[in-house]
Amino acid sequence: MQPARIPLYFVQFGHSCLALSLGMIHAHVRERERAVGRERFAPRFLLSPTPAEVERAEPGIWLFPNYIWSFELNMEVSRLVKRSSAASVTVHGGPSAPKYPGACEAFLRTQSHVDGSVRGEGEVTAAARLDHLARPHGAGAD
């Protein structure tokens, strides 16, 4: 029996369609899933999610592209995700995510609702992080 797929939330504010960066991460994740021969994630695309949608969501992995126009909204949703589901994992990236190691460490220290930050181009980094998060505790590589 195949294990349950992990909900993977792509959060986007300010546009009526998914950001190119999230679309590329989604495509990269799907390609890696084809390579390992199984689907591990159940994508969920949330365009301007309401608090009620966030509170009803299953525990999963939440991806936030931080842009200047969406940063505060992403922080608000990320806090709500962690209040609603401590088991959920929140990962922030994008142009407004801290780029330098010291700034990234300070960001993670002051934003306790953020579990991880992706610096620079996110496709490969996000896919590798998702591979790690999808493994059962103590399991080896695919």
N, C-alpha and C. Protein backbone atom coordinates (compact mmCIF):
# COMPACT_ATOMS: atom_id res chain seq x y z
N MET A 1 0.82 -1.18 0.00
CA MET A 1 0.00 0.00 0.00
C MET A 1 0.87 1.25 0.00
N GLN A 2 0.57 2.17 -0.88
CA GLN A 2 1.34 3.40 -0.99
C GLN A 2 0.99 4.34 0.16
N PRO A 3 2.00 4.95 0.78
CA PRO A 3 1.72 5.87 1.89
C PRO A 3 0.91 7.08 1.40
N ALA A 4 0.21 7.71 2.34
CA ALA A 4 -0.59 8.89 2.01
C ALA A 4 0.32 10.00 1.47
N ARG A 5 -0.21 10.75 0.54
CA ARG A 5 0.53 11.87 -0.01
C ARG A 5 0.48 13.06 0.95
N ILE A 6 1.58 13.76 1.05
CA ILE A 6 1.71 14.91 1.94
C ILE A 6 1.14 16.15 1.24
N PRO A 7 0.20 16.86 1.87
CA PRO A 7 -0.27 18.10 1.25
C PRO A 7 0.88 19.10 1.10
N LEU A 8 0.98 19.67 -0.09
CA LEU A 8 2.02 20.66 -0.39
C LEU A 8 1.30 21.92 -0.86
N TYR A 9 1.31 22.94 0.00
CA TYR A 9 0.56 24.16 -0.25
C TYR A 9 1.45 25.20 -0.90
N PHE A 10 1.02 25.68 -2.06
CA PHE A 10 1.67 26.77 -2.78
C PHE A 10 0.82 28.01 -2.53
N VAL A 11 1.34 28.98 -1.77
CA VAL A 11 0.57 30.15 -1.37
C VAL A 11 0.97 31.35 -2.22
N GLN A 12 -0.02 32.02 -2.77
CA GLN A 12 0.24 33.17 -3.64
C GLN A 12 -0.73 34.30 -3.31
N PHE A 13 -0.22 35.50 -3.11
CA PHE A 13 -1.05 36.69 -2.90
C PHE A 13 -0.77 37.69 -4.01
N GLY A 14 -1.78 38.48 -4.32
CA GLY A 14 -1.58 39.62 -5.20
C GLY A 14 -1.76 39.35 -6.68
N HIS A 15 -2.00 38.13 -7.06
CA HIS A 15 -2.19 37.80 -8.48
C HIS A 15 -3.28 36.75 -8.60
N SER A 16 -3.85 36.65 -9.77
CA SER A 16 -4.90 35.66 -9.99
C SER A 16 -4.35 34.35 -10.52
N CYS A 17 -3.03 34.25 -10.58
CA CYS A 17 -2.42 32.99 -11.02
C CYS A 17 -1.15 32.75 -10.20
N LEU A 18 -0.65 31.55 -10.29
CA LEU A 18 0.53 31.15 -9.52
C LEU A 18 1.78 31.88 -10.00
N ALA A 19 2.62 32.29 -9.08
CA ALA A 19 3.89 32.92 -9.43
C ALA A 19 4.75 31.94 -10.22
N LEU A 20 5.52 32.45 -11.15
CA LEU A 20 6.40 31.61 -11.96
C LEU A 20 7.31 30.77 -11.07
N SER A 21 7.83 31.37 -10.00
CA SER A 21 8.74 30.63 -9.11
C SER A 21 8.05 29.40 -8.51
N LEU A 22 6.80 29.56 -8.06
CA LEU A 22 6.08 28.41 -7.50
C LEU A 22 5.76 27.38 -8.58
N GLY A 23 5.41 27.86 -9.77
CA GLY A 23 5.15 26.94 -10.87
C GLY A 23 6.38 26.12 -11.22
N MET A 24 7.54 26.76 -11.20
CA MET A 24 8.78 26.04 -11.50
C MET A 24 9.12 25.04 -10.40
N ILE A 25 8.89 25.42 -9.14
CA ILE A 25 9.13 24.48 -8.04
C ILE A 25 8.18 23.29 -8.18
N HIS A 26 6.92 23.56 -8.48
CA HIS A 26 5.95 22.48 -8.67
C HIS A 26 6.39 21.54 -9.79
N ALA A 27 6.82 22.10 -10.92
CA ALA A 27 7.28 21.27 -12.04
C ALA A 27 8.51 20.45 -11.65
N HIS A 28 9.42 21.06 -10.92
CA HIS A 28 10.65 20.36 -10.50
C HIS A 28 10.31 19.21 -9.54
N VAL A 29 9.40 19.47 -8.62
CA VAL A 29 8.98 18.43 -7.67
C VAL A 29 8.32 17.26 -8.42
N ARG A 30 7.44 17.58 -9.36
CA ARG A 30 6.77 16.52 -10.14
C ARG A 30 7.77 15.69 -10.92
N GLU A 31 8.78 16.34 -11.50
CA GLU A 31 9.80 15.61 -12.25
C GLU A 31 10.59 14.68 -11.33
N ARG A 32 10.91 15.14 -10.12
CA ARG A 32 11.61 14.29 -9.16
C ARG A 32 10.74 13.12 -8.73
N GLU A 33 9.43 13.37 -8.59
CA GLU A 33 8.52 12.27 -8.24
C GLU A 33 8.49 11.21 -9.34
N ARG A 34 8.49 11.65 -10.58
CA ARG A 34 8.55 10.68 -11.70
C ARG A 34 9.83 9.87 -11.63
N ALA A 35 10.93 10.54 -11.24
CA ALA A 35 12.22 9.85 -11.17
C ALA A 35 12.23 8.76 -10.09
N VAL A 36 11.53 8.99 -8.97
CA VAL A 36 11.51 7.97 -7.90
C VAL A 36 10.34 7.01 -8.08
N GLY A 37 9.47 7.28 -9.05
CA GLY A 37 8.40 6.34 -9.38
C GLY A 37 7.19 6.38 -8.47
N ARG A 38 7.01 7.46 -7.74
CA ARG A 38 5.79 7.56 -6.91
C ARG A 38 5.52 9.03 -6.58
N GLU A 39 4.24 9.30 -6.35
CA GLU A 39 3.85 10.65 -5.96
C GLU A 39 3.83 10.73 -4.44
N ARG A 40 4.63 11.64 -3.92
CA ARG A 40 4.71 11.80 -2.47
C ARG A 40 3.92 13.00 -1.98
N PHE A 41 3.62 13.92 -2.89
CA PHE A 41 2.98 15.17 -2.50
C PHE A 41 1.64 15.35 -3.20
N ALA A 42 0.73 15.99 -2.50
CA ALA A 42 -0.58 16.35 -3.05
C ALA A 42 -0.62 17.88 -3.13
N PRO A 43 -0.36 18.44 -4.33
CA PRO A 43 -0.30 19.90 -4.46
C PRO A 43 -1.65 20.56 -4.18
N ARG A 44 -1.58 21.69 -3.48
CA ARG A 44 -2.76 22.51 -3.20
C ARG A 44 -2.34 23.95 -3.52
N PHE A 45 -3.06 24.59 -4.42
CA PHE A 45 -2.73 25.95 -4.83
C PHE A 45 -3.70 26.91 -4.16
N LEU A 46 -3.17 27.80 -3.34
CA LEU A 46 -4.00 28.74 -2.58
C LEU A 46 -3.71 30.17 -3.03
N LEU A 47 -4.65 30.73 -3.78
CA LEU A 47 -4.50 32.11 -4.23
C LEU A 47 -5.24 33.00 -3.24
N SER A 48 -4.49 33.82 -2.52
CA SER A 48 -5.03 34.71 -1.50
C SER A 48 -5.92 33.95 -0.51
N PRO A 49 -5.34 32.99 0.22
CA PRO A 49 -6.15 32.18 1.14
C PRO A 49 -6.76 32.99 2.28
N THR A 50 -7.97 32.61 2.65
CA THR A 50 -8.64 33.24 3.78
C THR A 50 -8.22 32.53 5.07
N PRO A 51 -8.38 33.18 6.22
CA PRO A 51 -8.08 32.51 7.48
C PRO A 51 -8.85 31.20 7.64
N ALA A 52 -10.11 31.18 7.22
CA ALA A 52 -10.91 29.95 7.34
C ALA A 52 -10.32 28.82 6.51
N GLU A 53 -9.81 29.12 5.31
CA GLU A 53 -9.19 28.09 4.46
C GLU A 53 -7.93 27.54 5.13
N VAL A 54 -7.15 28.43 5.72
CA VAL A 54 -5.91 28.01 6.38
C VAL A 54 -6.23 27.14 7.59
N GLU A 55 -7.20 27.55 8.38
CA GLU A 55 -7.55 26.78 9.58
C GLU A 55 -8.12 25.41 9.25
N ARG A 56 -8.80 25.26 8.11
CA ARG A 56 -9.38 23.97 7.71
C ARG A 56 -8.37 23.05 7.03
N ALA A 57 -7.25 23.58 6.64
CA ALA A 57 -6.27 22.81 5.86
C ALA A 57 -5.67 21.67 6.69
N GLU A 58 -5.37 20.58 6.00
CA GLU A 58 -4.68 19.45 6.63
C GLU A 58 -3.23 19.85 6.93
N PRO A 59 -2.61 19.22 7.91
CA PRO A 59 -1.18 19.48 8.13
C PRO A 59 -0.40 19.12 6.86
N GLY A 60 0.57 19.94 6.54
CA GLY A 60 1.38 19.70 5.34
C GLY A 60 2.56 20.63 5.30
N ILE A 61 3.08 20.81 4.10
CA ILE A 61 4.22 21.69 3.87
C ILE A 61 3.70 22.90 3.10
N TRP A 62 4.01 24.08 3.60
CA TRP A 62 3.53 25.34 3.04
C TRP A 62 4.70 26.10 2.44
N LEU A 63 4.58 26.48 1.17
CA LEU A 63 5.62 27.25 0.48
C LEU A 63 5.12 28.67 0.23
N PHE A 64 5.93 29.64 0.65
CA PHE A 64 5.58 31.05 0.53
C PHE A 64 6.65 31.78 -0.29
N PRO A 65 6.28 32.37 -1.43
CA PRO A 65 7.23 33.23 -2.15
C PRO A 65 7.13 34.65 -1.61
N ASN A 66 8.13 35.12 -0.93
CA ASN A 66 8.09 36.44 -0.30
C ASN A 66 8.52 37.53 -1.29
N TYR A 67 7.55 38.34 -1.66
CA TYR A 67 7.79 39.52 -2.48
C TYR A 67 7.46 40.73 -1.61
N ILE A 68 7.89 41.90 -2.02
CA ILE A 68 7.63 43.10 -1.23
C ILE A 68 6.13 43.29 -0.99
N TRP A 69 5.30 42.96 -1.98
CA TRP A 69 3.86 43.17 -1.85
C TRP A 69 3.16 42.05 -1.09
N SER A 70 3.83 40.93 -0.88
CA SER A 70 3.17 39.81 -0.20
C SER A 70 3.82 39.41 1.12
N PHE A 71 4.92 40.05 1.46
CA PHE A 71 5.68 39.64 2.64
C PHE A 71 4.83 39.62 3.90
N GLU A 72 4.16 40.73 4.22
CA GLU A 72 3.37 40.80 5.46
C GLU A 72 2.21 39.81 5.45
N LEU A 73 1.54 39.65 4.30
CA LEU A 73 0.46 38.67 4.19
C LEU A 73 0.99 37.26 4.41
N ASN A 74 2.14 36.96 3.82
CA ASN A 74 2.74 35.64 4.01
C ASN A 74 3.10 35.38 5.47
N MET A 75 3.62 36.40 6.14
CA MET A 75 3.96 36.24 7.56
C MET A 75 2.70 35.97 8.37
N GLU A 76 1.63 36.69 8.07
CA GLU A 76 0.37 36.51 8.78
C GLU A 76 -0.18 35.09 8.57
N VAL A 77 -0.17 34.62 7.32
CA VAL A 77 -0.68 33.27 7.04
C VAL A 77 0.23 32.23 7.67
N SER A 78 1.53 32.43 7.62
CA SER A 78 2.47 31.49 8.22
C SER A 78 2.23 31.35 9.72
N ARG A 79 2.00 32.47 10.40
CA ARG A 79 1.68 32.42 11.84
C ARG A 79 0.40 31.64 12.07
N LEU A 80 -0.60 31.87 11.25
CA LEU A 80 -1.88 31.18 11.38
C LEU A 80 -1.73 29.68 11.11
N VAL A 81 -0.92 29.33 10.13
CA VAL A 81 -0.65 27.91 9.85
C VAL A 81 -0.11 27.23 11.09
N LYS A 82 0.89 27.82 11.71
CA LYS A 82 1.52 27.20 12.89
C LYS A 82 0.58 27.17 14.09
N ARG A 83 -0.27 28.20 14.24
CA ARG A 83 -1.26 28.17 15.33
C ARG A 83 -2.29 27.07 15.09
N SER A 84 -2.68 26.88 13.84
CA SER A 84 -3.71 25.89 13.50
C SER A 84 -3.16 24.48 13.45
N SER A 85 -1.89 24.33 13.08
CA SER A 85 -1.31 23.00 12.91
C SER A 85 0.20 23.05 13.16
N ALA A 86 0.58 22.76 14.38
CA ALA A 86 2.01 22.76 14.72
C ALA A 86 2.79 21.74 13.90
N ALA A 87 2.11 20.72 13.37
CA ALA A 87 2.77 19.69 12.57
C ALA A 87 3.11 20.17 11.16
N SER A 88 2.49 21.26 10.72
CA SER A 88 2.79 21.79 9.40
C SER A 88 4.17 22.41 9.37
N VAL A 89 4.77 22.41 8.19
CA VAL A 89 6.10 22.99 7.98
C VAL A 89 5.94 24.19 7.06
N THR A 90 6.51 25.32 7.45
CA THR A 90 6.43 26.54 6.64
C THR A 90 7.81 26.88 6.10
N VAL A 91 7.88 27.10 4.78
CA VAL A 91 9.14 27.42 4.12
C VAL A 91 8.93 28.69 3.30
N HIS A 92 9.80 29.67 3.51
CA HIS A 92 9.71 30.95 2.81
C HIS A 92 10.91 31.12 1.90
N GLY A 93 10.66 31.72 0.75
CA GLY A 93 11.72 32.02 -0.21
C GLY A 93 11.33 33.26 -0.99
N GLY A 94 11.92 33.42 -2.15
CA GLY A 94 11.58 34.54 -3.01
C GLY A 94 12.49 35.73 -2.82
N PRO A 95 12.26 36.78 -3.61
CA PRO A 95 13.15 37.94 -3.61
C PRO A 95 13.24 38.68 -2.28
N SER A 96 12.20 38.61 -1.45
CA SER A 96 12.24 39.32 -0.17
C SER A 96 12.65 38.43 1.00
N ALA A 97 13.07 37.22 0.72
CA ALA A 97 13.63 36.35 1.76
C ALA A 97 15.09 36.76 1.97
N PRO A 98 15.59 36.68 3.20
CA PRO A 98 16.98 37.06 3.46
C PRO A 98 17.95 36.25 2.61
N LYS A 99 18.97 36.90 2.08
CA LYS A 99 19.92 36.24 1.18
C LYS A 99 21.21 35.79 1.86
N TYR A 100 21.64 36.53 2.86
CA TYR A 100 22.93 36.24 3.50
C TYR A 100 22.73 35.36 4.72
N PRO A 101 23.69 34.46 5.00
CA PRO A 101 23.52 33.51 6.11
C PRO A 101 23.15 34.17 7.44
N GLY A 102 23.82 35.25 7.82
CA GLY A 102 23.52 35.91 9.09
C GLY A 102 22.12 36.49 9.11
N ALA A 103 21.71 37.11 8.02
CA ALA A 103 20.37 37.67 7.93
C ALA A 103 19.32 36.57 7.95
N CYS A 104 19.62 35.46 7.32
CA CYS A 104 18.70 34.33 7.30
C CYS A 104 18.55 33.74 8.71
N GLU A 105 19.65 33.60 9.42
CA GLU A 105 19.60 33.08 10.79
C GLU A 105 18.78 34.01 11.69
N ALA A 106 18.98 35.31 11.54
CA ALA A 106 18.22 36.28 12.34
C ALA A 106 16.72 36.20 12.00
N PHE A 107 16.41 36.07 10.72
CA PHE A 107 15.02 35.95 10.27
C PHE A 107 14.37 34.72 10.91
N LEU A 108 15.04 33.59 10.86
CA LEU A 108 14.48 32.35 11.43
C LEU A 108 14.35 32.45 12.95
N ARG A 109 15.28 33.16 13.58
CA ARG A 109 15.23 33.31 15.04
C ARG A 109 14.06 34.21 15.46
N THR A 110 13.80 35.27 14.71
CA THR A 110 12.76 36.22 15.09
C THR A 110 11.37 35.83 14.57
N GLN A 111 11.32 34.98 13.58
CA GLN A 111 10.04 34.54 13.01
C GLN A 111 9.85 33.06 13.36
N SER A 112 9.44 32.78 14.58
CA SER A 112 9.38 31.40 15.06
C SER A 112 8.40 30.53 14.28
N HIS A 113 7.50 31.12 13.54
CA HIS A 113 6.53 30.37 12.74
C HIS A 113 7.13 29.91 11.41
N VAL A 114 8.33 30.37 11.08
CA VAL A 114 9.00 29.99 9.83
C VAL A 114 9.96 28.85 10.14
N ASP A 115 9.76 27.72 9.47
CA ASP A 115 10.61 26.55 9.71
C ASP A 115 11.85 26.53 8.82
N GLY A 116 11.77 27.18 7.67
CA GLY A 116 12.91 27.17 6.76
C GLY A 116 12.82 28.32 5.78
N SER A 117 13.99 28.68 5.24
CA SER A 117 14.07 29.74 4.26
C SER A 117 14.96 29.26 3.12
N VAL A 118 14.56 29.58 1.91
CA VAL A 118 15.34 29.20 0.73
C VAL A 118 15.95 30.46 0.16
N ARG A 119 17.26 30.46 0.03
CA ARG A 119 17.98 31.62 -0.51
C ARG A 119 18.31 31.35 -1.97
N GLY A 120 18.19 32.38 -2.79
CA GLY A 120 18.55 32.26 -4.20
C GLY A 120 17.51 31.46 -4.98
N GLU A 121 17.96 30.87 -6.09
CA GLU A 121 17.07 30.08 -6.94
C GLU A 121 16.52 28.91 -6.14
N GLY A 122 15.21 28.75 -6.16
CA GLY A 122 14.58 27.82 -5.24
C GLY A 122 14.27 26.43 -5.76
N GLU A 123 14.29 26.20 -7.08
CA GLU A 123 13.79 24.94 -7.60
C GLU A 123 14.53 23.73 -7.04
N VAL A 124 15.83 23.70 -7.19
CA VAL A 124 16.61 22.55 -6.74
C VAL A 124 16.63 22.49 -5.21
N THR A 125 16.84 23.64 -4.56
CA THR A 125 16.89 23.68 -3.10
C THR A 125 15.57 23.24 -2.49
N ALA A 126 14.46 23.78 -3.00
CA ALA A 126 13.14 23.42 -2.46
C ALA A 126 12.86 21.93 -2.69
N ALA A 127 13.16 21.42 -3.87
CA ALA A 127 12.92 20.00 -4.15
C ALA A 127 13.75 19.11 -3.23
N ALA A 128 15.01 19.48 -2.99
CA ALA A 128 15.85 18.69 -2.09
C ALA A 128 15.32 18.73 -0.66
N ARG A 129 14.87 19.91 -0.22
CA ARG A 129 14.31 20.04 1.12
C ARG A 129 13.03 19.21 1.24
N LEU A 130 12.20 19.23 0.20
CA LEU A 130 10.96 18.45 0.20
C LEU A 130 11.27 16.95 0.23
N ASP A 131 12.31 16.53 -0.50
CA ASP A 131 12.73 15.12 -0.44
C ASP A 131 13.04 14.73 0.99
N HIS A 132 13.77 15.59 1.68
CA HIS A 132 14.14 15.31 3.08
C HIS A 132 12.91 15.26 3.97
N LEU A 133 11.99 16.21 3.79
CA LEU A 133 10.79 16.26 4.64
C LEU A 133 9.85 15.08 4.37
N ALA A 134 9.87 14.54 3.16
CA ALA A 134 8.96 13.45 2.80
C ALA A 134 9.42 12.10 3.35
N ARG A 135 10.67 12.00 3.76
CA ARG A 135 11.18 10.72 4.28
C ARG A 135 10.61 10.45 5.65
N PRO A 136 10.24 9.20 5.90
CA PRO A 136 9.87 8.85 7.28
C PRO A 136 11.11 9.02 8.17
N HIS A 137 10.90 9.37 9.41
CA HIS A 137 12.04 9.56 10.32
C HIS A 137 12.89 8.30 10.33
N GLY A 138 14.20 8.52 10.17
CA GLY A 138 15.12 7.41 10.20
C GLY A 138 15.28 6.67 8.89
N ALA A 139 14.54 7.08 7.85
CA ALA A 139 14.64 6.38 6.57
C ALA A 139 15.83 6.91 5.77
N GLY A 140 16.32 6.10 4.89
CA GLY A 140 17.42 6.49 4.03
C GLY A 140 16.93 7.22 2.80
N ALA A 141 17.83 7.46 1.89
CA ALA A 141 17.47 8.15 0.65
C ALA A 141 16.63 7.25 -0.23
N ASP A 142 15.91 7.89 -1.15
CA ASP A 142 15.09 7.13 -2.12
C ASP A 142 15.94 6.31 -3.03
